[in-house]
């Protein structure tokens, strides 16, 4: 069985709708949090997340 974790929003800490598996690598991935309405561009590798850019989406 593969190990996975939900990605948490870097701003508010809530779970997003994206799961990460142990061997997944993301580069310049647009991660959206529906709770705080923030989009973060992230890199992820082995459950370590690096935030490149944050921006608040107003509607």
C-alpha atoms as a PDB file:
ATOM      1  CA  UNK A   1       0.000   0.000   0.000  1.00  0.00           C
ATOM      2  CA  UNK A   2       1.357   3.418  -0.960  1.00  0.00           C
ATOM      3  CA  UNK A   3       1.778   6.126   1.630  1.00  0.00           C
ATOM      4  CA  UNK A   4       0.000   9.423   0.959  1.00  0.00           C
ATOM      5  CA  UNK A   5      -0.814  12.699   2.726  1.00  0.00           C
ATOM      6  CA  UNK A   6      -3.214  15.540   2.065  1.00  0.00           C
ATOM      7  CA  UNK A   7      -1.488  18.799   1.175  1.00  0.00           C
ATOM      8  CA  UNK A   8      -2.257  21.504   3.733  1.00  0.00           C
ATOM      9  CA  UNK A   9      -2.672  25.149   2.772  1.00  0.00           C
ATOM     10  CA  UNK A  10       0.513  27.081   3.643  1.00  0.00           C
ATOM     11  CA  UNK A  11      -1.591  30.121   4.639  1.00  0.00           C
ATOM     12  CA  UNK A  12      -4.425  28.770   6.830  1.00  0.00           C
ATOM     13  CA  UNK A  13      -3.315  25.175   7.474  1.00  0.00           C
ATOM     14  CA  UNK A  14      -6.526  23.495   6.273  1.00  0.00           C
ATOM     15  CA  UNK A  15      -6.498  20.415   4.029  1.00  0.00           C
ATOM     16  CA  UNK A  16      -6.784  21.081   0.314  1.00  0.00           C
ATOM     17  CA  UNK A  17      -8.313  18.690  -2.211  1.00  0.00           C
ATOM     18  CA  UNK A  18      -4.911  17.386  -3.324  1.00  0.00           C
ATOM     19  CA  UNK A  19      -3.191  14.226  -2.074  1.00  0.00           C
ATOM     20  CA  UNK A  20       0.547  13.630  -2.338  1.00  0.00           C
ATOM     21  CA  UNK A  21       2.079  10.177  -2.562  1.00  0.00           C
ATOM     22  CA  UNK A  22       5.588   9.502  -1.237  1.00  0.00           C
ATOM     23  CA  UNK A  23       7.157   9.357  -4.717  1.00  0.00           C
ATOM     24  CA  UNK A  24       5.255  12.325  -6.225  1.00  0.00           C
ATOM     25  CA  UNK A  25       7.163  15.408  -7.351  1.00  0.00           C
ATOM     26  CA  UNK A  26       5.431  18.688  -8.211  1.00  0.00           C
ATOM     27  CA  UNK A  27       7.091  21.678  -9.859  1.00  0.00           C
ATOM     28  CA  UNK A  28       5.351  25.047 -10.142  1.00  0.00           C
ATOM     29  CA  UNK A  29       2.018  23.505  -9.092  1.00  0.00           C
ATOM     30  CA  UNK A  30      -0.897  25.943  -8.547  1.00  0.00           C
ATOM     31  CA  UNK A  31      -2.424  24.903  -5.201  1.00  0.00           C
ATOM     32  CA  UNK A  32      -5.799  26.519  -4.429  1.00  0.00           C
ATOM     33  CA  UNK A  33      -7.340  26.644  -0.937  1.00  0.00           C
ATOM     34  CA  UNK A  34     -11.113  26.917  -1.051  1.00  0.00           C
ATOM     35  CA  UNK A  35     -11.315  28.081   2.577  1.00  0.00           C
ATOM     36  CA  UNK A  36      -9.032  31.132   2.521  1.00  0.00           C
ATOM     37  CA  UNK A  37      -9.298  31.593  -1.283  1.00  0.00           C
ATOM     38  CA  UNK A  38      -5.530  31.747  -1.747  1.00  0.00           C
ATOM     39  CA  UNK A  39      -3.532  30.304  -4.600  1.00  0.00           C
ATOM     40  CA  UNK A  40       0.056  29.273  -3.904  1.00  0.00           C
ATOM     41  CA  UNK A  41       2.584  28.121  -6.458  1.00  0.00           C
ATOM     42  CA  UNK A  42       4.469  25.234  -4.835  1.00  0.00           C
ATOM     43  CA  UNK A  43       7.185  22.672  -5.410  1.00  0.00           C
ATOM     44  CA  UNK A  44       6.823  19.361  -3.554  1.00  0.00           C
ATOM     45  CA  UNK A  45       9.096  16.355  -3.181  1.00  0.00           C
ATOM     46  CA  UNK A  46       8.918  13.559  -0.582  1.00  0.00           C
ATOM     47  CA  UNK A  47       6.202  15.384   1.429  1.00  0.00           C
ATOM     48  CA  UNK A  48       8.346  18.543   1.691  1.00  0.00           C
ATOM     49  CA  UNK A  49       6.569  21.599   0.305  1.00  0.00           C
ATOM     50  CA  UNK A  50       8.312  24.784  -0.812  1.00  0.00           C
ATOM     51  CA  UNK A  51       6.121  27.855  -1.458  1.00  0.00           C
ATOM     52  CA  UNK A  52       7.281  29.929  -4.427  1.00  0.00           C
ATOM     53  CA  UNK A  53       4.476  32.522  -4.606  1.00  0.00           C
ATOM     54  CA  UNK A  54       1.254  33.347  -2.723  1.00  0.00           C
ATOM     55  CA  UNK A  55      -1.636  35.432  -3.976  1.00  0.00           C
ATOM     56  CA  UNK A  56      -5.088  36.161  -2.593  1.00  0.00           C
ATOM     57  CA  UNK A  57      -7.906  35.688  -5.086  1.00  0.00           C
ATOM     58  CA  UNK A  58     -10.706  38.206  -4.590  1.00  0.00           C
ATOM     59  CA  UNK A  59     -14.093  37.781  -6.115  1.00  0.00           C
END
